[in-house]
Amino acid sequence: MSKLDRSNILWESIRMFLVEHREAILKQRKEAARFIPPELDEQALEEMSYILQEALELEQPVLATYAGEYEEKQFCGFIDKIDTLGKYI
């Protein structure tokens, strides 16, 4: 019977990964990478509202930065409608 070489314990543990463990680790890493947008204070919300309303009235394009699932995203375009209750433009 041969003796196991225990000098590389990391290799031994990697060899024993089950598919379920690998999937759980990947899911956990994906959740940790999720982007959480910062909370805006009242002044920032008022400024944003003013800029959006002005862009709508003057038919000017705006560059909007919004929260994607894993990072900030940007969109440039014209505003057709502002829905304050639904919180979308």
N, C-alpha and C. Protein backbone atom coordinates (compact mmCIF):
# COMPACT_ATOMS: atom_id res chain seq x y z
N MET A 1 0.86 -1.17 0.00
CA MET A 1 0.00 0.00 0.00
C MET A 1 0.90 1.23 0.00
N SER A 2 0.56 2.20 -0.90
CA SER A 2 1.41 3.39 -1.00
C SER A 2 0.94 4.46 -0.03
N LYS A 3 1.89 5.23 0.42
CA LYS A 3 1.60 6.31 1.35
C LYS A 3 1.25 7.56 0.56
N LEU A 4 0.16 8.27 0.96
CA LEU A 4 -0.23 9.51 0.28
C LEU A 4 0.73 10.63 0.66
N ASP A 5 1.08 11.43 -0.34
CA ASP A 5 1.93 12.59 -0.10
C ASP A 5 1.05 13.74 0.37
N ARG A 6 1.13 14.11 1.63
CA ARG A 6 0.28 15.16 2.21
C ARG A 6 0.97 16.53 2.18
N SER A 7 2.02 16.69 1.42
CA SER A 7 2.74 17.96 1.40
C SER A 7 1.97 19.04 0.64
N ASN A 8 1.07 18.62 -0.24
CA ASN A 8 0.30 19.59 -0.99
C ASN A 8 -1.18 19.40 -0.69
N ILE A 9 -1.62 19.90 0.44
CA ILE A 9 -2.99 19.71 0.90
C ILE A 9 -3.97 20.46 -0.01
N LEU A 10 -3.56 21.61 -0.56
CA LEU A 10 -4.43 22.36 -1.47
C LEU A 10 -4.80 21.50 -2.67
N TRP A 11 -3.85 20.83 -3.25
CA TRP A 11 -4.13 19.97 -4.40
C TRP A 11 -5.10 18.86 -4.02
N GLU A 12 -4.92 18.29 -2.87
CA GLU A 12 -5.81 17.22 -2.41
C GLU A 12 -7.24 17.74 -2.26
N SER A 13 -7.41 18.96 -1.76
CA SER A 13 -8.75 19.48 -1.57
C SER A 13 -9.41 19.84 -2.90
N ILE A 14 -8.66 20.34 -3.86
CA ILE A 14 -9.21 20.68 -5.17
C ILE A 14 -9.67 19.42 -5.89
N ARG A 15 -8.94 18.38 -5.74
CA ARG A 15 -9.29 17.13 -6.39
C ARG A 15 -10.64 16.60 -5.89
N MET A 16 -11.03 16.96 -4.70
CA MET A 16 -12.22 16.43 -4.08
C MET A 16 -13.45 17.33 -4.27
N PHE A 17 -13.35 18.39 -5.08
CA PHE A 17 -14.50 19.28 -5.32
C PHE A 17 -15.65 18.53 -5.95
N LEU A 18 -16.82 18.66 -5.37
CA LEU A 18 -18.01 18.10 -5.98
C LEU A 18 -18.65 19.16 -6.87
N VAL A 19 -19.40 18.73 -7.85
CA VAL A 19 -20.05 19.66 -8.76
C VAL A 19 -20.96 20.62 -8.00
N GLU A 20 -21.68 20.12 -7.02
CA GLU A 20 -22.59 20.96 -6.24
C GLU A 20 -21.83 22.05 -5.48
N HIS A 21 -20.66 21.71 -4.98
CA HIS A 21 -19.84 22.69 -4.26
C HIS A 21 -19.34 23.76 -5.21
N ARG A 22 -18.90 23.34 -6.38
CA ARG A 22 -18.40 24.28 -7.37
C ARG A 22 -19.51 25.26 -7.78
N GLU A 23 -20.71 24.75 -8.03
CA GLU A 23 -21.83 25.60 -8.40
C GLU A 23 -22.19 26.58 -7.29
N ALA A 24 -22.15 26.12 -6.05
CA ALA A 24 -22.46 26.98 -4.92
C ALA A 24 -21.42 28.10 -4.78
N ILE A 25 -20.17 27.77 -4.97
CA ILE A 25 -19.10 28.78 -4.89
C ILE A 25 -19.24 29.80 -6.01
N LEU A 26 -19.53 29.35 -7.22
CA LEU A 26 -19.71 30.27 -8.34
C LEU A 26 -20.92 31.18 -8.12
N LYS A 27 -22.00 30.64 -7.58
CA LYS A 27 -23.19 31.44 -7.29
C LYS A 27 -22.88 32.49 -6.22
N GLN A 28 -22.13 32.09 -5.20
CA GLN A 28 -21.76 33.01 -4.13
C GLN A 28 -20.89 34.14 -4.66
N ARG A 29 -19.95 33.81 -5.53
CA ARG A 29 -19.08 34.85 -6.12
C ARG A 29 -19.90 35.80 -6.98
N LYS A 30 -20.87 35.27 -7.73
CA LYS A 30 -21.71 36.10 -8.58
C LYS A 30 -22.54 37.06 -7.74
N GLU A 31 -23.08 36.59 -6.63
CA GLU A 31 -23.87 37.44 -5.74
C GLU A 31 -23.00 38.53 -5.11
N ALA A 32 -21.76 38.19 -4.77
CA ALA A 32 -20.85 39.17 -4.16
C ALA A 32 -20.47 40.26 -5.16
N ALA A 33 -20.49 39.94 -6.45
CA ALA A 33 -20.12 40.91 -7.48
C ALA A 33 -21.29 41.80 -7.88
N ARG A 34 -22.48 41.56 -7.36
CA ARG A 34 -23.67 42.34 -7.72
C ARG A 34 -23.46 43.80 -7.32
N PHE A 35 -23.85 44.70 -8.22
CA PHE A 35 -23.67 46.14 -8.00
C PHE A 35 -24.81 46.69 -7.15
N ILE A 36 -24.47 47.42 -6.12
CA ILE A 36 -25.44 48.07 -5.26
C ILE A 36 -25.28 49.57 -5.44
N PRO A 37 -26.29 50.23 -6.01
CA PRO A 37 -26.15 51.66 -6.25
C PRO A 37 -26.16 52.45 -4.95
N PRO A 38 -25.49 53.60 -4.92
CA PRO A 38 -25.49 54.42 -3.71
C PRO A 38 -26.85 55.07 -3.49
N GLU A 39 -27.17 55.34 -2.25
CA GLU A 39 -28.40 56.04 -1.91
C GLU A 39 -28.21 57.53 -2.22
N LEU A 40 -29.20 58.13 -2.87
CA LEU A 40 -29.11 59.55 -3.19
C LEU A 40 -29.81 60.37 -2.12
N ASP A 41 -29.18 61.48 -1.74
CA ASP A 41 -29.81 62.36 -0.75
C ASP A 41 -30.86 63.25 -1.44
N GLU A 42 -31.60 63.98 -0.66
CA GLU A 42 -32.71 64.81 -1.16
C GLU A 42 -32.23 65.84 -2.19
N GLN A 43 -31.10 66.46 -1.93
CA GLN A 43 -30.57 67.48 -2.83
C GLN A 43 -30.20 66.87 -4.19
N ALA A 44 -29.58 65.70 -4.20
CA ALA A 44 -29.22 65.04 -5.45
C ALA A 44 -30.46 64.64 -6.24
N LEU A 45 -31.50 64.18 -5.55
CA LEU A 45 -32.74 63.81 -6.22
C LEU A 45 -33.43 65.03 -6.84
N GLU A 46 -33.41 66.15 -6.13
CA GLU A 46 -34.00 67.39 -6.66
C GLU A 46 -33.24 67.87 -7.89
N GLU A 47 -31.92 67.82 -7.83
CA GLU A 47 -31.10 68.25 -8.97
C GLU A 47 -31.36 67.36 -10.18
N MET A 48 -31.46 66.06 -9.95
CA MET A 48 -31.72 65.13 -11.04
C MET A 48 -33.10 65.39 -11.64
N SER A 49 -34.08 65.64 -10.80
CA SER A 49 -35.43 65.94 -11.26
C SER A 49 -35.46 67.21 -12.11
N TYR A 50 -34.74 68.22 -11.67
CA TYR A 50 -34.67 69.48 -12.41
C TYR A 50 -34.04 69.27 -13.78
N ILE A 51 -32.94 68.55 -13.85
CA ILE A 51 -32.24 68.30 -15.11
C ILE A 51 -33.14 67.50 -16.07
N LEU A 52 -33.81 66.49 -15.56
CA LEU A 52 -34.69 65.68 -16.41
C LEU A 52 -35.87 66.49 -16.93
N GLN A 53 -36.48 67.29 -16.06
CA GLN A 53 -37.62 68.11 -16.49
C GLN A 53 -37.19 69.13 -17.54
N GLU A 54 -36.04 69.74 -17.35
CA GLU A 54 -35.52 70.72 -18.32
C GLU A 54 -35.21 70.04 -19.66
N ALA A 55 -34.63 68.86 -19.62
CA ALA A 55 -34.32 68.14 -20.85
C ALA A 55 -35.60 67.75 -21.60
N LEU A 56 -36.65 67.40 -20.86
CA LEU A 56 -37.93 67.06 -21.47
C LEU A 56 -38.55 68.28 -22.15
N GLU A 57 -38.58 69.40 -21.44
CA GLU A 57 -39.20 70.62 -21.97
C GLU A 57 -38.43 71.20 -23.15
N LEU A 58 -37.10 71.18 -23.09
CA LEU A 58 -36.27 71.77 -24.16
C LEU A 58 -35.88 70.77 -25.24
N GLU A 59 -36.36 69.54 -25.09
CA GLU A 59 -36.05 68.45 -26.04
C GLU A 59 -34.55 68.31 -26.26
N GLN A 60 -33.83 68.23 -25.17
CA GLN A 60 -32.37 68.05 -25.21
C GLN A 60 -32.03 66.62 -24.79
N PRO A 61 -30.94 66.08 -25.34
CA PRO A 61 -30.53 64.73 -24.92
C PRO A 61 -29.90 64.77 -23.53
N VAL A 62 -30.00 63.66 -22.84
CA VAL A 62 -29.37 63.51 -21.53
C VAL A 62 -28.52 62.25 -21.52
N LEU A 63 -27.50 62.28 -20.70
CA LEU A 63 -26.68 61.10 -20.46
C LEU A 63 -27.04 60.60 -19.07
N ALA A 64 -27.69 59.45 -19.02
CA ALA A 64 -28.15 58.90 -17.75
C ALA A 64 -27.26 57.74 -17.33
N THR A 65 -26.85 57.77 -16.08
CA THR A 65 -26.10 56.67 -15.49
C THR A 65 -27.06 55.92 -14.58
N TYR A 66 -27.18 54.63 -14.79
CA TYR A 66 -28.11 53.83 -14.00
C TYR A 66 -27.44 52.55 -13.54
N ALA A 67 -28.08 51.87 -12.62
CA ALA A 67 -27.50 50.67 -12.03
C ALA A 67 -27.85 49.45 -12.87
N GLY A 68 -26.83 48.82 -13.41
CA GLY A 68 -27.00 47.52 -14.05
C GLY A 68 -26.88 46.45 -12.97
N GLU A 69 -26.92 45.22 -13.38
CA GLU A 69 -26.87 44.15 -12.39
C GLU A 69 -25.49 44.04 -11.73
N TYR A 70 -24.42 44.24 -12.52
CA TYR A 70 -23.08 44.07 -11.96
C TYR A 70 -22.21 45.31 -12.06
N GLU A 71 -22.73 46.38 -12.67
CA GLU A 71 -21.94 47.60 -12.81
C GLU A 71 -22.84 48.77 -13.19
N GLU A 72 -22.29 49.97 -13.13
CA GLU A 72 -23.00 51.14 -13.61
C GLU A 72 -23.08 51.07 -15.13
N LYS A 73 -24.20 51.52 -15.67
CA LYS A 73 -24.35 51.58 -17.12
C LYS A 73 -24.80 52.98 -17.49
N GLN A 74 -24.60 53.34 -18.76
CA GLN A 74 -24.99 54.67 -19.22
C GLN A 74 -25.84 54.56 -20.47
N PHE A 75 -26.74 55.54 -20.61
CA PHE A 75 -27.60 55.62 -21.78
C PHE A 75 -27.72 57.08 -22.16
N CYS A 76 -27.60 57.36 -23.44
CA CYS A 76 -27.74 58.73 -23.93
C CYS A 76 -28.96 58.76 -24.86
N GLY A 77 -29.85 59.73 -24.63
CA GLY A 77 -31.02 59.83 -25.48
C GLY A 77 -31.94 60.95 -25.05
N PHE A 78 -33.09 61.01 -25.70
CA PHE A 78 -34.09 62.03 -25.41
C PHE A 78 -35.16 61.46 -24.51
N ILE A 79 -35.78 62.32 -23.71
CA ILE A 79 -36.81 61.90 -22.77
C ILE A 79 -38.17 62.14 -23.41
N ASP A 80 -39.01 61.10 -23.43
CA ASP A 80 -40.38 61.23 -23.94
C ASP A 80 -41.36 61.45 -22.81
N LYS A 81 -41.09 60.82 -21.66
CA LYS A 81 -42.05 60.86 -20.56
C LYS A 81 -41.31 60.63 -19.24
N ILE A 82 -41.78 61.27 -18.20
CA ILE A 82 -41.25 61.07 -16.86
C ILE A 82 -42.38 60.54 -15.99
N ASP A 83 -42.20 59.38 -15.41
CA ASP A 83 -43.20 58.79 -14.52
C ASP A 83 -42.63 58.80 -13.11
N THR A 84 -43.08 59.76 -12.31
CA THR A 84 -42.53 59.91 -10.95
C THR A 84 -43.04 58.79 -10.02
N LEU A 85 -44.25 58.32 -10.25
CA LEU A 85 -44.77 57.23 -9.40
C LEU A 85 -44.06 55.91 -9.70
N GLY A 86 -43.90 55.61 -10.99
CA GLY A 86 -43.23 54.37 -11.38
C GLY A 86 -41.72 54.49 -11.33
N LYS A 87 -41.24 55.72 -11.16
CA LYS A 87 -39.81 56.03 -11.06
C LYS A 87 -39.04 55.57 -12.29
N TYR A 88 -39.53 55.95 -13.46
CA TYR A 88 -38.79 55.68 -14.69
C TYR A 88 -38.98 56.82 -15.67
N ILE A 89 -38.07 56.90 -16.64
CA ILE A 89 -38.15 57.92 -17.69
C ILE A 89 -38.19 57.24 -19.03
